[in-house]
Amino acid sequence: MAEVLVWQKSSFSEGGDAPNCIEVAAARESLLLRESEEPGTVMTTGRQQLTALIRHLRTT
């Protein structure tokens, strides 16, 4: 059976149904990221890697 993904918008994205949103979904052992204008293009990462990226971006 296929896993059902629940996509959540970033709190930094514009409100409503704006097309310029970053969305994240939790899969079994990874996190999935996509840009709302290109929902078919999905990047897979781990929790530790995404946490490191966010920390780095906050300090720059």
N, C-alpha and C. Protein backbone atom coordinates (compact mmCIF):
# COMPACT_ATOMS: atom_id res chain seq x y z
N MET A 1 0.84 -1.17 0.00
CA MET A 1 0.00 0.00 0.00
C MET A 1 0.89 1.24 0.00
N ALA A 2 0.51 2.24 -0.78
CA ALA A 2 1.29 3.48 -0.89
C ALA A 2 1.12 4.34 0.35
N GLU A 3 2.20 4.97 0.74
CA GLU A 3 2.18 5.86 1.89
C GLU A 3 1.49 7.17 1.52
N VAL A 4 0.60 7.63 2.39
CA VAL A 4 -0.10 8.90 2.16
C VAL A 4 0.71 10.01 2.81
N LEU A 5 1.08 11.02 2.01
CA LEU A 5 1.89 12.12 2.52
C LEU A 5 0.99 13.30 2.84
N VAL A 6 1.27 13.95 3.95
CA VAL A 6 0.57 15.17 4.34
C VAL A 6 1.57 16.30 4.22
N TRP A 7 1.36 17.19 3.25
CA TRP A 7 2.27 18.30 3.00
C TRP A 7 1.87 19.50 3.85
N GLN A 8 2.86 20.15 4.46
CA GLN A 8 2.63 21.35 5.27
C GLN A 8 3.44 22.49 4.71
N LYS A 9 2.84 23.68 4.66
CA LYS A 9 3.54 24.88 4.18
C LYS A 9 4.46 25.42 5.26
N SER A 10 5.53 26.02 4.81
CA SER A 10 6.42 26.72 5.72
C SER A 10 5.69 27.93 6.29
N SER A 11 5.95 28.24 7.54
CA SER A 11 5.35 29.42 8.15
C SER A 11 5.91 30.70 7.56
N PHE A 12 7.01 30.61 6.81
CA PHE A 12 7.60 31.79 6.18
C PHE A 12 7.04 32.04 4.79
N SER A 13 6.21 31.13 4.29
CA SER A 13 5.59 31.30 2.98
C SER A 13 4.46 32.30 3.07
N GLU A 14 4.13 32.90 1.93
CA GLU A 14 3.01 33.83 1.91
C GLU A 14 1.73 33.09 2.26
N GLY A 15 0.77 33.81 2.82
CA GLY A 15 -0.49 33.20 3.22
C GLY A 15 -1.35 32.79 2.07
N GLY A 16 -2.45 32.14 2.37
CA GLY A 16 -3.41 31.72 1.35
C GLY A 16 -2.85 30.64 0.44
N ASP A 17 -3.22 30.69 -0.81
CA ASP A 17 -2.78 29.69 -1.78
C ASP A 17 -1.70 30.25 -2.70
N ALA A 18 -0.84 31.10 -2.18
CA ALA A 18 0.23 31.68 -2.98
C ALA A 18 1.09 30.56 -3.56
N PRO A 19 1.57 30.71 -4.80
CA PRO A 19 2.31 29.65 -5.45
C PRO A 19 3.78 29.55 -5.05
N ASN A 20 4.27 30.44 -4.22
CA ASN A 20 5.70 30.45 -3.88
C ASN A 20 5.92 29.94 -2.46
N CYS A 21 5.58 28.69 -2.22
CA CYS A 21 5.65 28.10 -0.89
C CYS A 21 6.58 26.90 -0.86
N ILE A 22 7.29 26.76 0.23
CA ILE A 22 8.06 25.56 0.48
C ILE A 22 7.18 24.67 1.35
N GLU A 23 7.08 23.40 0.96
CA GLU A 23 6.25 22.46 1.70
C GLU A 23 7.10 21.29 2.16
N VAL A 24 6.74 20.71 3.30
CA VAL A 24 7.48 19.58 3.85
C VAL A 24 6.48 18.48 4.22
N ALA A 25 6.92 17.24 4.06
CA ALA A 25 6.12 16.08 4.46
C ALA A 25 7.06 15.06 5.11
N ALA A 26 6.55 14.36 6.10
CA ALA A 26 7.33 13.33 6.76
C ALA A 26 7.03 11.98 6.12
N ALA A 27 8.07 11.31 5.68
CA ALA A 27 7.95 9.95 5.16
C ALA A 27 8.46 9.01 6.25
N ARG A 28 8.52 7.75 5.97
CA ARG A 28 8.90 6.77 7.00
C ARG A 28 10.21 7.10 7.69
N GLU A 29 11.26 7.28 6.92
CA GLU A 29 12.57 7.54 7.53
C GLU A 29 13.24 8.77 6.96
N SER A 30 12.48 9.66 6.35
CA SER A 30 13.07 10.86 5.77
C SER A 30 12.05 11.98 5.74
N LEU A 31 12.52 13.15 5.36
CA LEU A 31 11.66 14.30 5.15
C LEU A 31 11.68 14.64 3.68
N LEU A 32 10.56 15.07 3.17
CA LEU A 32 10.45 15.43 1.76
C LEU A 32 10.17 16.91 1.66
N LEU A 33 10.83 17.58 0.74
CA LEU A 33 10.64 19.00 0.51
C LEU A 33 10.25 19.23 -0.93
N ARG A 34 9.37 20.18 -1.16
CA ARG A 34 9.00 20.56 -2.52
C ARG A 34 8.62 22.03 -2.56
N GLU A 35 8.71 22.59 -3.74
CA GLU A 35 8.30 23.97 -3.98
C GLU A 35 6.93 23.89 -4.62
N SER A 36 5.98 24.67 -4.14
CA SER A 36 4.59 24.51 -4.56
C SER A 36 4.36 24.72 -6.05
N GLU A 37 5.22 25.48 -6.72
CA GLU A 37 5.06 25.67 -8.17
C GLU A 37 5.51 24.43 -8.95
N GLU A 38 6.30 23.57 -8.32
CA GLU A 38 6.81 22.34 -8.96
C GLU A 38 6.55 21.15 -8.03
N PRO A 39 5.29 20.80 -7.77
CA PRO A 39 5.01 19.75 -6.78
C PRO A 39 5.51 18.36 -7.17
N GLY A 40 5.83 18.15 -8.44
CA GLY A 40 6.35 16.86 -8.86
C GLY A 40 7.84 16.70 -8.60
N THR A 41 8.52 17.79 -8.30
CA THR A 41 9.95 17.75 -7.99
C THR A 41 10.11 17.74 -6.48
N VAL A 42 10.59 16.63 -5.94
CA VAL A 42 10.67 16.45 -4.49
C VAL A 42 12.11 16.14 -4.10
N MET A 43 12.58 16.79 -3.05
CA MET A 43 13.92 16.55 -2.51
C MET A 43 13.76 15.75 -1.22
N THR A 44 14.56 14.73 -1.06
CA THR A 44 14.54 13.89 0.14
C THR A 44 15.74 14.23 1.01
N THR A 45 15.50 14.35 2.31
CA THR A 45 16.58 14.63 3.24
C THR A 45 16.26 13.96 4.58
N GLY A 46 17.21 13.99 5.47
CA GLY A 46 17.02 13.46 6.81
C GLY A 46 16.75 14.59 7.80
N ARG A 47 16.26 14.23 8.95
CA ARG A 47 15.95 15.23 9.98
C ARG A 47 17.21 16.00 10.41
N GLN A 48 18.30 15.30 10.62
CA GLN A 48 19.54 15.96 11.05
C GLN A 48 20.05 16.91 9.98
N GLN A 49 19.99 16.51 8.73
CA GLN A 49 20.48 17.35 7.64
C GLN A 49 19.63 18.60 7.48
N LEU A 50 18.31 18.46 7.58
CA LEU A 50 17.43 19.62 7.46
C LEU A 50 17.62 20.56 8.65
N THR A 51 17.78 20.02 9.83
CA THR A 51 18.03 20.84 11.01
C THR A 51 19.32 21.62 10.85
N ALA A 52 20.38 21.00 10.35
CA ALA A 52 21.65 21.68 10.12
C ALA A 52 21.50 22.79 9.10
N LEU A 53 20.75 22.55 8.02
CA LEU A 53 20.53 23.57 7.00
C LEU A 53 19.78 24.76 7.58
N ILE A 54 18.73 24.52 8.32
CA ILE A 54 17.94 25.61 8.91
C ILE A 54 18.80 26.42 9.88
N ARG A 55 19.58 25.75 10.71
CA ARG A 55 20.47 26.47 11.64
C ARG A 55 21.46 27.34 10.88
N HIS A 56 22.03 26.80 9.83
CA HIS A 56 22.99 27.56 9.03
C HIS A 56 22.32 28.78 8.40
N LEU A 57 21.14 28.59 7.83
CA LEU A 57 20.45 29.69 7.17
C LEU A 57 20.05 30.80 8.16
N ARG A 58 19.75 30.42 9.37
CA ARG A 58 19.38 31.42 10.39
C ARG A 58 20.57 32.30 10.80
N THR A 59 21.78 31.77 10.65
CA THR A 59 22.95 32.53 11.07
C THR A 59 23.55 33.35 9.94
N THR A 60 23.05 33.18 8.72
CA THR A 60 23.59 33.95 7.60
C THR A 60 22.73 35.12 7.25
